[in-house]
Amino acid sequence: MSESEFLPEGTLRGMPGPLPAGERILWRGAPTLSGVLLRAFHARLVMLWFAATATVLALGAAASGGPVRALAVAGPTLLIGLGALGLLTFLAWLVHRTTVYTLTDRRVVLHVGIALPITLNLPLAQIVSADLRLFADGSGDIPLRLPPGERVAYLHLWPHARPWRVSRPEPMLRSIPEARSVAALLAPALASQVKGTIDSPARTSEPAILTGRTGAAPGRLAPAAAR
């Protein structure tokens, strides 16, 4: 029995229910497979470790038994490394296939998880700031900073969380394609929430707005504009 069978009819994949009247979807997407594999699962470092280990073992074996002995010693290590790479690729594919990010004019919805999927509703009015990190292939990360009182467990989010922000986790749209275009959609949506809530007495400060700066260099973080 699929998860969608428990949801009301007309519910889009990755959404907790039908869209309320007047709410518009601005963008839907998922992480790129290569981005998850290389930047979340660090496949390059894994293969580098296995290659370095095999090289050290081969040099030691070659000194005492020649090239045949070196190949016999290093071969199994390289095969294990290839197996590990295959497993990581499969897991990255599962993350790519099961994740749905949705941006509307009112909220950001993250449908994440492989075995136990969860759906996170993040109202734009509750997002303090949003950053943009671009990569050379045009993909990028967009971490979302929440107010101090709002917290989601880091392990529930990973790999859809900003790295190393364990004490105050930040949900993140990870390795999304055409990240600059998504940032350009998110920025005015956040701005409209500021305009709609700036006069509210319950709100003490305005959220910072994601700049989506065109001058951001690949691999660098473009911080949200200070307000």
N, C-alpha and C. Protein backbone atom coordinates (compact mmCIF):
# COMPACT_ATOMS: atom_id res chain seq x y z
N MET A 1 0.85 -1.19 0.00
CA MET A 1 0.00 0.00 0.00
C MET A 1 0.88 1.24 0.00
N SER A 2 0.65 2.14 -0.95
CA SER A 2 1.48 3.32 -1.07
C SER A 2 1.00 4.43 -0.15
N GLU A 3 1.91 5.38 0.09
CA GLU A 3 1.59 6.50 0.97
C GLU A 3 0.45 7.33 0.42
N SER A 4 0.37 7.46 -0.92
CA SER A 4 -0.63 8.31 -1.54
C SER A 4 -2.05 7.82 -1.29
N GLU A 5 -2.22 6.52 -0.95
CA GLU A 5 -3.55 5.99 -0.71
C GLU A 5 -4.16 6.54 0.57
N PHE A 6 -3.34 7.10 1.47
CA PHE A 6 -3.86 7.67 2.70
C PHE A 6 -4.17 9.16 2.57
N LEU A 7 -3.87 9.77 1.43
CA LEU A 7 -4.05 11.20 1.24
C LEU A 7 -5.33 11.48 0.47
N PRO A 8 -5.90 12.67 0.66
CA PRO A 8 -7.13 13.01 -0.07
C PRO A 8 -6.91 12.98 -1.58
N GLU A 9 -7.97 12.71 -2.30
CA GLU A 9 -7.89 12.67 -3.75
C GLU A 9 -7.48 14.03 -4.30
N GLY A 10 -6.61 14.02 -5.28
CA GLY A 10 -6.14 15.26 -5.87
C GLY A 10 -4.87 15.80 -5.25
N THR A 11 -4.32 15.08 -4.26
CA THR A 11 -3.09 15.52 -3.62
C THR A 11 -1.90 15.24 -4.52
N LEU A 12 -1.08 16.23 -4.76
CA LEU A 12 0.11 16.04 -5.57
C LEU A 12 1.16 15.25 -4.80
N ARG A 13 1.98 14.50 -5.53
CA ARG A 13 3.07 13.75 -4.90
C ARG A 13 3.98 14.71 -4.14
N GLY A 14 4.28 14.34 -2.91
CA GLY A 14 5.16 15.16 -2.09
C GLY A 14 4.46 16.22 -1.28
N MET A 15 3.15 16.34 -1.40
CA MET A 15 2.39 17.32 -0.64
C MET A 15 1.57 16.62 0.44
N PRO A 16 1.34 17.30 1.57
CA PRO A 16 0.57 16.68 2.65
C PRO A 16 -0.93 16.65 2.38
N GLY A 17 -1.39 17.41 1.39
CA GLY A 17 -2.81 17.46 1.06
C GLY A 17 -3.03 18.37 -0.13
N PRO A 18 -4.28 18.51 -0.56
CA PRO A 18 -4.57 19.41 -1.69
C PRO A 18 -4.19 20.85 -1.36
N LEU A 19 -3.85 21.62 -2.37
CA LEU A 19 -3.51 23.02 -2.17
C LEU A 19 -4.74 23.79 -1.71
N PRO A 20 -4.60 24.65 -0.68
CA PRO A 20 -5.71 25.53 -0.31
C PRO A 20 -6.04 26.49 -1.43
N ALA A 21 -7.24 27.00 -1.41
CA ALA A 21 -7.67 27.94 -2.44
C ALA A 21 -6.78 29.17 -2.44
N GLY A 22 -6.33 29.56 -3.61
CA GLY A 22 -5.51 30.75 -3.73
C GLY A 22 -4.01 30.51 -3.65
N GLU A 23 -3.58 29.34 -3.24
CA GLU A 23 -2.14 29.05 -3.15
C GLU A 23 -1.65 28.54 -4.50
N ARG A 24 -0.48 29.04 -4.93
CA ARG A 24 0.06 28.69 -6.24
C ARG A 24 1.41 27.99 -6.09
N ILE A 25 1.63 26.96 -6.87
CA ILE A 25 2.93 26.30 -6.91
C ILE A 25 3.84 27.07 -7.84
N LEU A 26 5.00 27.44 -7.34
CA LEU A 26 5.98 28.18 -8.13
C LEU A 26 7.03 27.27 -8.76
N TRP A 27 7.35 26.17 -8.06
CA TRP A 27 8.41 25.27 -8.55
C TRP A 27 8.33 23.96 -7.79
N ARG A 28 8.67 22.88 -8.49
CA ARG A 28 8.81 21.56 -7.87
C ARG A 28 10.05 20.89 -8.45
N GLY A 29 10.78 20.18 -7.61
CA GLY A 29 11.99 19.55 -8.10
C GLY A 29 12.54 18.55 -7.09
N ALA A 30 13.74 18.07 -7.39
CA ALA A 30 14.40 17.06 -6.56
C ALA A 30 15.91 17.24 -6.67
N PRO A 31 16.68 16.67 -5.75
CA PRO A 31 18.14 16.77 -5.85
C PRO A 31 18.65 16.03 -7.09
N THR A 32 19.75 16.52 -7.65
CA THR A 32 20.40 15.79 -8.73
C THR A 32 21.11 14.57 -8.17
N LEU A 33 21.13 13.50 -8.95
CA LEU A 33 21.79 12.27 -8.48
C LEU A 33 23.27 12.51 -8.23
N SER A 34 23.93 13.20 -9.16
CA SER A 34 25.37 13.44 -9.01
C SER A 34 25.66 14.31 -7.80
N GLY A 35 24.81 15.28 -7.54
CA GLY A 35 25.03 16.15 -6.39
C GLY A 35 24.94 15.40 -5.07
N VAL A 36 23.94 14.52 -4.95
CA VAL A 36 23.82 13.72 -3.73
C VAL A 36 25.01 12.78 -3.59
N LEU A 37 25.39 12.14 -4.69
CA LEU A 37 26.48 11.17 -4.65
C LEU A 37 27.81 11.83 -4.27
N LEU A 38 28.12 12.98 -4.87
CA LEU A 38 29.43 13.59 -4.69
C LEU A 38 29.51 14.49 -3.47
N ARG A 39 28.41 15.20 -3.13
CA ARG A 39 28.50 16.19 -2.06
C ARG A 39 27.81 15.77 -0.77
N ALA A 40 26.86 14.85 -0.83
CA ALA A 40 26.24 14.35 0.39
C ALA A 40 26.92 13.07 0.86
N PHE A 41 27.17 12.15 -0.08
CA PHE A 41 27.80 10.87 0.27
C PHE A 41 29.32 10.88 0.05
N HIS A 42 29.85 11.96 -0.49
CA HIS A 42 31.31 12.15 -0.64
C HIS A 42 31.96 10.96 -1.34
N ALA A 43 31.42 10.60 -2.49
CA ALA A 43 31.92 9.44 -3.23
C ALA A 43 33.38 9.61 -3.63
N ARG A 44 33.80 10.83 -3.96
CA ARG A 44 35.20 11.05 -4.34
C ARG A 44 36.14 10.68 -3.20
N LEU A 45 35.81 11.11 -1.98
CA LEU A 45 36.67 10.80 -0.84
C LEU A 45 36.69 9.31 -0.55
N VAL A 46 35.55 8.66 -0.72
CA VAL A 46 35.50 7.21 -0.48
C VAL A 46 36.41 6.48 -1.45
N MET A 47 36.33 6.82 -2.72
CA MET A 47 37.18 6.15 -3.71
C MET A 47 38.65 6.51 -3.52
N LEU A 48 38.91 7.75 -3.12
CA LEU A 48 40.29 8.14 -2.86
C LEU A 48 40.87 7.33 -1.71
N TRP A 49 40.06 7.10 -0.68
CA TRP A 49 40.54 6.31 0.47
C TRP A 49 40.86 4.88 0.03
N PHE A 50 39.97 4.26 -0.72
CA PHE A 50 40.21 2.88 -1.17
C PHE A 50 41.41 2.82 -2.12
N ALA A 51 41.54 3.81 -2.99
CA ALA A 51 42.67 3.82 -3.92
C ALA A 51 43.99 3.98 -3.17
N ALA A 52 44.01 4.88 -2.17
CA ALA A 52 45.23 5.08 -1.39
C ALA A 52 45.59 3.84 -0.60
N THR A 53 44.58 3.20 -0.01
CA THR A 53 44.83 1.98 0.75
C THR A 53 45.37 0.87 -0.15
N ALA A 54 44.77 0.72 -1.32
CA ALA A 54 45.24 -0.31 -2.26
C ALA A 54 46.66 -0.03 -2.71
N THR A 55 46.99 1.25 -2.91
CA THR A 55 48.34 1.61 -3.34
C THR A 55 49.37 1.26 -2.28
N VAL A 56 49.07 1.59 -1.04
CA VAL A 56 50.00 1.27 0.07
C VAL A 56 50.19 -0.23 0.18
N LEU A 57 49.10 -0.98 0.11
CA LEU A 57 49.21 -2.44 0.19
C LEU A 57 49.99 -3.01 -0.98
N ALA A 58 49.77 -2.45 -2.18
CA ALA A 58 50.46 -2.95 -3.37
C ALA A 58 51.95 -2.67 -3.29
N LEU A 59 52.33 -1.49 -2.81
CA LEU A 59 53.76 -1.17 -2.70
C LEU A 59 54.46 -2.10 -1.71
N GLY A 60 53.79 -2.38 -0.60
CA GLY A 60 54.39 -3.29 0.37
C GLY A 60 54.53 -4.70 -0.16
N ALA A 61 53.48 -5.13 -0.89
CA ALA A 61 53.53 -6.49 -1.44
C ALA A 61 54.53 -6.59 -2.58
N ALA A 62 54.66 -5.54 -3.40
CA ALA A 62 55.58 -5.57 -4.53
C ALA A 62 57.02 -5.65 -4.06
N ALA A 63 57.32 -5.04 -2.92
CA ALA A 63 58.70 -5.06 -2.42
C ALA A 63 59.14 -6.46 -2.04
N SER A 64 58.18 -7.30 -1.66
CA SER A 64 58.57 -8.64 -1.20
C SER A 64 58.17 -9.75 -2.18
N GLY A 65 57.14 -9.50 -3.00
CA GLY A 65 56.67 -10.58 -3.86
C GLY A 65 56.50 -10.23 -5.32
N GLY A 66 56.83 -9.01 -5.72
CA GLY A 66 56.73 -8.65 -7.13
C GLY A 66 55.33 -8.17 -7.51
N PRO A 67 55.14 -7.84 -8.78
CA PRO A 67 53.87 -7.26 -9.24
C PRO A 67 52.68 -8.21 -9.12
N VAL A 68 52.91 -9.49 -9.28
CA VAL A 68 51.79 -10.44 -9.17
C VAL A 68 51.24 -10.44 -7.75
N ARG A 69 52.15 -10.45 -6.79
CA ARG A 69 51.74 -10.40 -5.39
C ARG A 69 51.05 -9.07 -5.08
N ALA A 70 51.56 -7.97 -5.65
CA ALA A 70 50.97 -6.66 -5.42
C ALA A 70 49.53 -6.61 -5.93
N LEU A 71 49.30 -7.18 -7.13
CA LEU A 71 47.96 -7.20 -7.69
C LEU A 71 47.03 -8.06 -6.87
N ALA A 72 47.53 -9.18 -6.37
CA ALA A 72 46.71 -10.08 -5.56
C ALA A 72 46.29 -9.42 -4.25
N VAL A 73 47.17 -8.56 -3.70
CA VAL A 73 46.86 -7.90 -2.43
C VAL A 73 45.95 -6.69 -2.64
N ALA A 74 46.23 -5.90 -3.68
CA ALA A 74 45.47 -4.67 -3.89
C ALA A 74 44.13 -4.92 -4.57
N GLY A 75 44.02 -5.99 -5.35
CA GLY A 75 42.80 -6.26 -6.09
C GLY A 75 41.54 -6.32 -5.23
N PRO A 76 41.54 -7.12 -4.15
CA PRO A 76 40.34 -7.19 -3.33
C PRO A 76 39.94 -5.83 -2.74
N THR A 77 40.92 -5.03 -2.36
CA THR A 77 40.61 -3.70 -1.82
C THR A 77 39.91 -2.83 -2.86
N LEU A 78 40.40 -2.88 -4.09
CA LEU A 78 39.78 -2.11 -5.16
C LEU A 78 38.37 -2.61 -5.48
N LEU A 79 38.18 -3.93 -5.42
CA LEU A 79 36.85 -4.47 -5.67
C LEU A 79 35.87 -4.04 -4.59
N ILE A 80 36.33 -4.04 -3.34
CA ILE A 80 35.47 -3.57 -2.25
C ILE A 80 35.13 -2.09 -2.45
N GLY A 81 36.12 -1.32 -2.91
CA GLY A 81 35.87 0.08 -3.17
C GLY A 81 34.82 0.29 -4.25
N LEU A 82 34.90 -0.52 -5.32
CA LEU A 82 33.90 -0.43 -6.38
C LEU A 82 32.51 -0.82 -5.87
N GLY A 83 32.49 -1.83 -5.00
CA GLY A 83 31.21 -2.22 -4.39
C GLY A 83 30.64 -1.10 -3.54
N ALA A 84 31.51 -0.43 -2.78
CA ALA A 84 31.06 0.70 -1.96
C ALA A 84 30.53 1.83 -2.82
N LEU A 85 31.20 2.09 -3.94
CA LEU A 85 30.74 3.13 -4.86
C LEU A 85 29.38 2.76 -5.45
N GLY A 86 29.21 1.50 -5.79
CA GLY A 86 27.92 1.06 -6.31
C GLY A 86 26.80 1.23 -5.29
N LEU A 87 27.09 0.91 -4.04
CA LEU A 87 26.09 1.06 -2.98
C LEU A 87 25.74 2.53 -2.77
N LEU A 88 26.74 3.39 -2.75
CA LEU A 88 26.49 4.82 -2.58
C LEU A 88 25.69 5.38 -3.76
N THR A 89 25.99 4.90 -4.96
CA THR A 89 25.24 5.35 -6.14
C THR A 89 23.78 4.93 -6.04
N PHE A 90 23.54 3.72 -5.58
CA PHE A 90 22.17 3.25 -5.40
C PHE A 90 21.42 4.08 -4.36
N LEU A 91 22.09 4.37 -3.24
CA LEU A 91 21.45 5.20 -2.20
C LEU A 91 21.18 6.61 -2.71
N ALA A 92 22.13 7.16 -3.48
CA ALA A 92 21.92 8.49 -4.05
C ALA A 92 20.73 8.48 -5.00
N TRP A 93 20.60 7.42 -5.78
CA TRP A 93 19.46 7.30 -6.69
C TRP A 93 18.15 7.24 -5.92
N LEU A 94 18.14 6.52 -4.80
CA LEU A 94 16.93 6.44 -3.98
C LEU A 94 16.56 7.82 -3.42
N VAL A 95 17.57 8.57 -2.96
CA VAL A 95 17.30 9.92 -2.47
C VAL A 95 16.73 10.78 -3.59
N HIS A 96 17.33 10.68 -4.76
CA HIS A 96 16.86 11.44 -5.92
C HIS A 96 15.42 11.08 -6.28
N ARG A 97 15.09 9.80 -6.24
CA ARG A 97 13.77 9.34 -6.66
C ARG A 97 12.68 9.61 -5.63
N THR A 98 13.01 9.60 -4.35
CA THR A 98 11.99 9.70 -3.30
C THR A 98 11.79 11.12 -2.78
N THR A 99 12.66 12.04 -3.14
CA THR A 99 12.58 13.40 -2.62
C THR A 99 11.77 14.29 -3.57
N VAL A 100 10.92 15.11 -2.97
CA VAL A 100 10.18 16.12 -3.74
C VAL A 100 10.25 17.44 -2.95
N TYR A 101 10.82 18.45 -3.58
CA TYR A 101 10.80 19.80 -3.02
C TYR A 101 9.71 20.60 -3.74
N THR A 102 8.91 21.32 -2.98
CA THR A 102 7.86 22.14 -3.58
C THR A 102 7.91 23.54 -3.00
N LEU A 103 7.93 24.53 -3.87
CA LEU A 103 7.87 25.94 -3.46
C LEU A 103 6.55 26.52 -3.94
N THR A 104 5.78 27.06 -3.01
CA THR A 104 4.57 27.77 -3.36
C THR A 104 4.73 29.23 -2.96
N ASP A 105 3.71 30.02 -3.19
CA ASP A 105 3.78 31.42 -2.81
C ASP A 105 3.54 31.63 -1.32
N ARG A 106 3.38 30.50 -0.56
CA ARG A 106 3.15 30.60 0.88
C ARG A 106 4.10 29.76 1.72
N ARG A 107 4.71 28.75 1.13
CA ARG A 107 5.51 27.82 1.94
C ARG A 107 6.50 27.06 1.07
N VAL A 108 7.42 26.39 1.78
CA VAL A 108 8.33 25.42 1.17
C VAL A 108 8.00 24.06 1.77
N VAL A 109 7.79 23.08 0.94
CA VAL A 109 7.45 21.73 1.40
C VAL A 109 8.57 20.78 1.00
N LEU A 110 9.09 20.04 1.98
CA LEU A 110 10.12 19.04 1.73
C LEU A 110 9.54 17.66 2.02
N HIS A 111 9.43 16.84 1.00
CA HIS A 111 9.02 15.45 1.17
C HIS A 111 10.27 14.60 1.05
N VAL A 112 10.75 14.08 2.18
CA VAL A 112 12.06 13.42 2.21
C VAL A 112 11.94 12.10 2.96
N GLY A 113 12.95 11.26 2.76
CA GLY A 113 13.00 9.97 3.44
C GLY A 113 12.79 8.82 2.48
N ILE A 114 13.55 7.75 2.68
CA ILE A 114 13.47 6.58 1.80
C ILE A 114 12.55 5.53 2.40
N ALA A 115 12.91 4.99 3.54
CA ALA A 115 12.09 3.95 4.18
C ALA A 115 10.92 4.56 4.94
N LEU A 116 11.16 5.69 5.63
CA LEU A 116 10.13 6.35 6.43
C LEU A 116 10.01 7.80 5.98
N PRO A 117 9.28 8.05 4.90
CA PRO A 117 9.18 9.42 4.38
C PRO A 117 8.42 10.34 5.32
N ILE A 118 8.86 11.59 5.37
CA ILE A 118 8.17 12.62 6.14
C ILE A 118 7.97 13.83 5.23
N THR A 119 7.00 14.64 5.57
CA THR A 119 6.71 15.86 4.81
C THR A 119 6.80 17.04 5.75
N LEU A 120 7.69 17.98 5.43
CA LEU A 120 7.90 19.16 6.25
C LEU A 120 7.26 20.37 5.58
N ASN A 121 6.39 21.05 6.31
CA ASN A 121 5.78 22.28 5.85
C ASN A 121 6.51 23.46 6.48
N LEU A 122 7.12 24.31 5.68
CA LEU A 122 7.84 25.46 6.19
C LEU A 122 7.20 26.73 5.64
N PRO A 123 6.31 27.37 6.40
CA PRO A 123 5.70 28.62 5.92
C PRO A 123 6.76 29.68 5.65
N LEU A 124 6.61 30.40 4.56
CA LEU A 124 7.59 31.42 4.22
C LEU A 124 7.70 32.48 5.31
N ALA A 125 6.60 32.72 6.00
CA ALA A 125 6.62 33.73 7.06
C ALA A 125 7.51 33.31 8.23
N GLN A 126 7.81 32.01 8.35
CA GLN A 126 8.64 31.51 9.45
C GLN A 126 10.09 31.28 9.04
N ILE A 127 10.44 31.63 7.82
CA ILE A 127 11.83 31.47 7.36
C ILE A 127 12.58 32.77 7.62
N VAL A 128 13.60 32.69 8.46
CA VAL A 128 14.36 33.88 8.85
C VAL A 128 15.25 34.35 7.71
N SER A 129 15.91 33.41 7.04
CA SER A 129 16.77 33.76 5.91
C SER A 129 16.96 32.54 5.04
N ALA A 130 17.39 32.79 3.82
CA ALA A 130 17.68 31.72 2.87
C ALA A 130 18.96 32.07 2.14
N ASP A 131 19.86 31.12 2.04
CA ASP A 131 21.15 31.33 1.38
C ASP A 131 21.20 30.53 0.08
N LEU A 132 22.16 30.89 -0.74
CA LEU A 132 22.33 30.19 -2.03
C LEU A 132 23.79 29.84 -2.22
N ARG A 133 24.05 28.57 -2.46
CA ARG A 133 25.40 28.11 -2.79
C ARG A 133 25.36 27.46 -4.16
N LEU A 134 26.08 28.04 -5.10
CA LEU A 134 26.09 27.57 -6.48
C LEU A 134 27.29 26.68 -6.77
N PHE A 135 27.10 25.72 -7.67
CA PHE A 135 28.18 24.85 -8.11
C PHE A 135 28.40 25.02 -9.61
N ALA A 136 29.50 24.52 -10.09
CA ALA A 136 29.91 24.77 -11.47
C ALA A 136 28.92 24.24 -12.50
N ASP A 137 28.16 23.20 -12.17
CA ASP A 137 27.22 22.62 -13.13
C ASP A 137 25.88 23.33 -13.14
N GLY A 138 25.74 24.42 -12.37
CA GLY A 138 24.49 25.16 -12.32
C GLY A 138 23.55 24.74 -11.21
N SER A 139 23.83 23.60 -10.58
CA SER A 139 23.03 23.17 -9.44
C SER A 139 23.47 23.96 -8.21
N GLY A 140 22.73 23.80 -7.13
CA GLY A 140 23.10 24.53 -5.93
C GLY A 140 22.29 24.10 -4.72
N ASP A 141 22.72 24.58 -3.57
CA ASP A 141 22.05 24.33 -2.30
C ASP A 141 21.37 25.61 -1.83
N ILE A 142 20.17 25.47 -1.27
CA ILE A 142 19.47 26.60 -0.68
C ILE A 142 19.06 26.22 0.74
N PRO A 143 19.90 26.53 1.74
CA PRO A 143 19.53 26.28 3.13
C PRO A 143 18.56 27.34 3.64
N LEU A 144 17.65 26.92 4.51
CA LEU A 144 16.60 27.79 5.04
C LEU A 144 16.76 27.88 6.55
N ARG A 145 16.98 29.08 7.04
CA ARG A 145 17.17 29.27 8.48
C ARG A 145 15.83 29.54 9.13
N LEU A 146 15.54 28.79 10.21
CA LEU A 146 14.27 28.91 10.92
C LEU A 146 14.44 29.73 12.19
N PRO A 147 13.35 30.24 12.76
CA PRO A 147 13.45 30.97 14.03
C PRO A 147 13.98 30.08 15.14
N PRO A 148 14.54 30.66 16.20
CA PRO A 148 15.13 29.86 17.29
C PRO A 148 14.17 28.85 17.90
N GLY A 149 12.89 29.16 17.96
CA GLY A 149 11.94 28.24 18.58
C GLY A 149 11.51 27.09 17.69
N GLU A 150 11.82 27.17 16.39
CA GLU A 150 11.44 26.12 15.45
C GLU A 150 12.64 25.25 15.14
N ARG A 151 12.50 23.95 15.39
CA ARG A 151 13.65 23.07 15.18
C ARG A 151 13.20 21.71 14.68
N VAL A 152 13.94 21.18 13.71
CA VAL A 152 13.73 19.84 13.20
C VAL A 152 15.02 19.06 13.44
N ALA A 153 14.90 17.83 13.93
CA ALA A 153 16.08 17.04 14.24
C ALA A 153 16.97 16.87 13.01
N TYR A 154 18.27 17.02 13.20
CA TYR A 154 19.23 16.94 12.10
C TYR A 154 19.16 15.58 11.40
N LEU A 155 19.03 14.52 12.19
CA LEU A 155 18.99 13.17 11.59
C LEU A 155 17.73 12.96 10.78
N HIS A 156 16.64 13.63 11.14
CA HIS A 156 15.42 13.53 10.34
C HIS A 156 15.58 14.22 8.99
N LEU A 157 16.39 15.27 8.97
CA LEU A 157 16.58 16.05 7.76
C LEU A 157 17.63 15.46 6.82
N TRP A 158 18.73 14.96 7.37
CA TRP A 158 19.88 14.60 6.55
C TRP A 158 19.47 13.60 5.47
N PRO A 159 19.92 13.76 4.23
CA PRO A 159 20.93 14.73 3.76
C PRO A 159 20.35 16.08 3.32
N HIS A 160 19.12 16.37 3.71
CA HIS A 160 18.49 17.62 3.29
C HIS A 160 18.65 18.68 4.39
N ALA A 161 19.85 18.77 4.90
CA ALA A 161 20.17 19.70 5.97
C ALA A 161 21.50 20.37 5.66
N ARG A 162 21.65 21.61 6.09
CA ARG A 162 22.91 22.32 5.88
C ARG A 162 24.01 21.63 6.68
N PRO A 163 25.13 21.30 6.05
CA PRO A 163 26.19 20.55 6.75
C PRO A 163 26.69 21.27 7.99
N TRP A 164 26.90 20.47 9.04
CA TRP A 164 27.54 20.88 10.29
C TRP A 164 26.70 21.82 11.15
N ARG A 165 25.48 22.11 10.78
CA ARG A 165 24.60 22.92 11.64
C ARG A 165 23.74 21.96 12.47
N VAL A 166 24.41 21.28 13.43
CA VAL A 166 23.74 20.23 14.20
C VAL A 166 22.92 20.81 15.34
N SER A 167 23.47 21.79 16.05
CA SER A 167 22.77 22.35 17.20
C SER A 167 21.55 23.16 16.79
N ARG A 168 21.59 23.77 15.63
CA ARG A 168 20.45 24.50 15.09
C ARG A 168 20.29 24.13 13.62
N PRO A 169 19.69 22.97 13.36
CA PRO A 169 19.62 22.46 11.98
C PRO A 169 18.87 23.42 11.06
N GLU A 170 19.31 23.45 9.80
CA GLU A 170 18.67 24.25 8.77
C GLU A 170 18.24 23.34 7.62
N PRO A 171 16.94 23.20 7.39
CA PRO A 171 16.49 22.43 6.22
C PRO A 171 17.12 23.01 4.95
N MET A 172 17.40 22.15 3.98
CA MET A 172 18.10 22.62 2.79
C MET A 172 17.57 21.93 1.54
N LEU A 173 17.32 22.73 0.52
CA LEU A 173 17.06 22.18 -0.81
C LEU A 173 18.43 21.83 -1.39
N ARG A 174 18.74 20.55 -1.40
CA ARG A 174 20.11 20.12 -1.73
C ARG A 174 20.27 19.85 -3.22
N SER A 175 21.34 20.41 -3.76
CA SER A 175 21.78 20.10 -5.12
C SER A 175 20.63 20.14 -6.12
N ILE A 176 19.86 21.21 -6.09
CA ILE A 176 18.74 21.32 -7.03
C ILE A 176 19.24 21.87 -8.37
N PRO A 177 18.70 21.40 -9.46
CA PRO A 177 19.13 21.91 -10.78
C PRO A 177 18.64 23.34 -10.98
N GLU A 178 19.41 24.12 -11.74
CA GLU A 178 19.06 25.51 -12.03
C GLU A 178 18.73 26.27 -10.74
N ALA A 179 19.64 26.18 -9.79
CA ALA A 179 19.40 26.76 -8.47
C ALA A 179 19.21 28.27 -8.52
N ARG A 180 19.90 28.93 -9.43
CA ARG A 180 19.75 30.39 -9.52
C ARG A 180 18.31 30.78 -9.88
N SER A 181 17.70 30.01 -10.76
CA SER A 181 16.32 30.29 -11.14
C SER A 181 15.36 30.05 -9.98
N VAL A 182 15.61 29.00 -9.21
CA VAL A 182 14.77 28.72 -8.04
C VAL A 182 14.92 29.84 -7.01
N ALA A 183 16.15 30.31 -6.82
CA ALA A 183 16.38 31.42 -5.90
C ALA A 183 15.63 32.67 -6.35
N ALA A 184 15.58 32.87 -7.66
CA ALA A 184 14.87 34.04 -8.19
C ALA A 184 13.37 33.94 -7.94
N LEU A 185 12.84 32.73 -7.81
CA LEU A 185 11.44 32.55 -7.46
C LEU A 185 11.21 32.69 -5.96
N LEU A 186 12.16 32.20 -5.18
CA LEU A 186 12.01 32.23 -3.72
C LEU A 186 12.12 33.64 -3.17
N ALA A 187 13.02 34.44 -3.72
CA ALA A 187 13.26 35.79 -3.18
C ALA A 187 12.00 36.65 -3.16
N PRO A 188 11.29 36.81 -4.27
CA PRO A 188 10.08 37.63 -4.20
C PRO A 188 8.97 37.01 -3.35
N ALA A 189 8.94 35.66 -3.28
CA ALA A 189 7.93 35.02 -2.43
C ALA A 189 8.18 35.36 -0.97
N LEU A 190 9.45 35.34 -0.56
CA LEU A 190 9.78 35.75 0.81
C LEU A 190 9.49 37.23 1.01
N ALA A 191 9.80 38.04 0.01
CA ALA A 191 9.56 39.48 0.12
C ALA A 191 8.08 39.78 0.30
N SER A 192 7.23 39.04 -0.39
CA SER A 192 5.80 39.28 -0.26
C SER A 192 5.30 38.92 1.12
N GLN A 193 5.93 37.91 1.76
CA GLN A 193 5.56 37.56 3.12
C GLN A 193 5.96 38.66 4.10
N VAL A 194 7.10 39.28 3.85
CA VAL A 194 7.54 40.39 4.69
C VAL A 194 6.52 41.53 4.61
N LYS A 195 6.10 41.86 3.40
CA LYS A 195 5.15 42.96 3.22
C LYS A 195 3.82 42.64 3.88
N GLY A 196 3.46 41.34 3.89
CA GLY A 196 2.18 40.97 4.45
C GLY A 196 2.16 40.88 5.95
N THR A 197 3.36 40.81 6.59
CA THR A 197 3.41 40.61 8.03
C THR A 197 4.16 41.70 8.77
N ILE A 198 4.69 42.70 8.07
CA ILE A 198 5.55 43.69 8.70
C ILE A 198 4.80 44.51 9.76
N ASP A 199 3.49 44.68 9.59
CA ASP A 199 2.72 45.47 10.54
C ASP A 199 2.12 44.63 11.65
N SER A 200 2.39 43.30 11.63
CA SER A 200 1.83 42.44 12.66
C SER A 200 2.55 42.65 13.98
N PRO A 201 1.83 42.90 15.11
CA PRO A 201 2.48 43.14 16.40
C PRO A 201 3.18 41.91 16.95
N ALA A 202 2.80 40.72 16.46
CA ALA A 202 3.43 39.50 16.98
C ALA A 202 4.79 39.26 16.35
N ARG A 203 5.12 40.01 15.30
CA ARG A 203 6.39 39.80 14.62
C ARG A 203 7.37 40.86 15.06
N THR A 204 8.52 40.46 15.52
CA THR A 204 9.49 41.38 16.07
C THR A 204 10.54 41.78 15.07
N SER A 205 10.72 41.01 14.01
CA SER A 205 11.74 41.34 13.02
C SER A 205 11.36 40.76 11.68
N GLU A 206 11.88 41.34 10.62
CA GLU A 206 11.62 40.85 9.28
C GLU A 206 12.65 39.78 8.93
N PRO A 207 12.24 38.77 8.15
CA PRO A 207 13.23 37.78 7.72
C PRO A 207 14.14 38.36 6.66
N ALA A 208 15.37 37.89 6.67
CA ALA A 208 16.29 38.28 5.60
C ALA A 208 15.84 37.61 4.31
N ILE A 209 16.09 38.28 3.20
CA ILE A 209 15.63 37.77 1.92
C ILE A 209 16.80 37.21 1.13
N LEU A 210 16.56 36.06 0.54
CA LEU A 210 17.60 35.44 -0.28
C LEU A 210 17.88 36.33 -1.48
N THR A 211 19.15 36.63 -1.66
CA THR A 211 19.51 37.54 -2.73
C THR A 211 19.55 36.84 -4.08
N GLY A 212 20.02 35.59 -4.11
CA GLY A 212 20.20 34.91 -5.39
C GLY A 212 21.13 35.71 -6.28
N ARG A 213 22.23 36.24 -5.73
CA ARG A 213 23.08 37.17 -6.46
C ARG A 213 23.67 36.54 -7.70
N THR A 214 23.61 37.28 -8.78
CA THR A 214 24.15 36.76 -10.03
C THR A 214 25.67 36.70 -10.02
N GLY A 215 26.28 37.41 -9.09
CA GLY A 215 27.73 37.41 -9.06
C GLY A 215 28.32 36.34 -8.17
N ALA A 216 27.48 35.47 -7.62
CA ALA A 216 28.00 34.43 -6.74
C ALA A 216 28.83 33.45 -7.55
N ALA A 217 30.02 33.19 -7.09
CA ALA A 217 30.91 32.26 -7.79
C ALA A 217 30.52 30.84 -7.46
N PRO A 218 30.73 29.89 -8.41
CA PRO A 218 30.42 28.49 -8.13
C PRO A 218 31.16 28.02 -6.88
N GLY A 219 30.41 27.29 -6.01
CA GLY A 219 31.01 26.76 -4.81
C GLY A 219 31.09 27.74 -3.66
N ARG A 220 30.62 28.97 -3.84
CA ARG A 220 30.64 29.97 -2.78
C ARG A 220 29.23 30.22 -2.29
N LEU A 221 29.12 30.58 -1.02
CA LEU A 221 27.82 30.84 -0.42
C LEU A 221 27.44 32.28 -0.62
N ALA A 222 26.27 32.52 -1.19
CA ALA A 222 25.76 33.88 -1.35
C ALA A 222 24.84 34.16 -0.18
N PRO A 223 25.26 34.94 0.82
CA PRO A 223 24.46 35.13 2.04
C PRO A 223 23.21 35.92 1.76
N ALA A 224 22.21 35.71 2.61
CA ALA A 224 20.97 36.46 2.48
C ALA A 224 21.23 37.92 2.75
N ALA A 225 20.47 38.79 2.12
CA ALA A 225 20.67 40.22 2.29
C ALA A 225 20.24 40.64 3.68
N ALA A 226 21.06 41.42 4.32
CA ALA A 226 20.73 41.92 5.65
C ALA A 226 19.63 42.95 5.54
N ARG A 227 18.75 42.92 6.53
CA ARG A 227 17.64 43.87 6.53
C ARG A 227 17.66 44.66 7.81
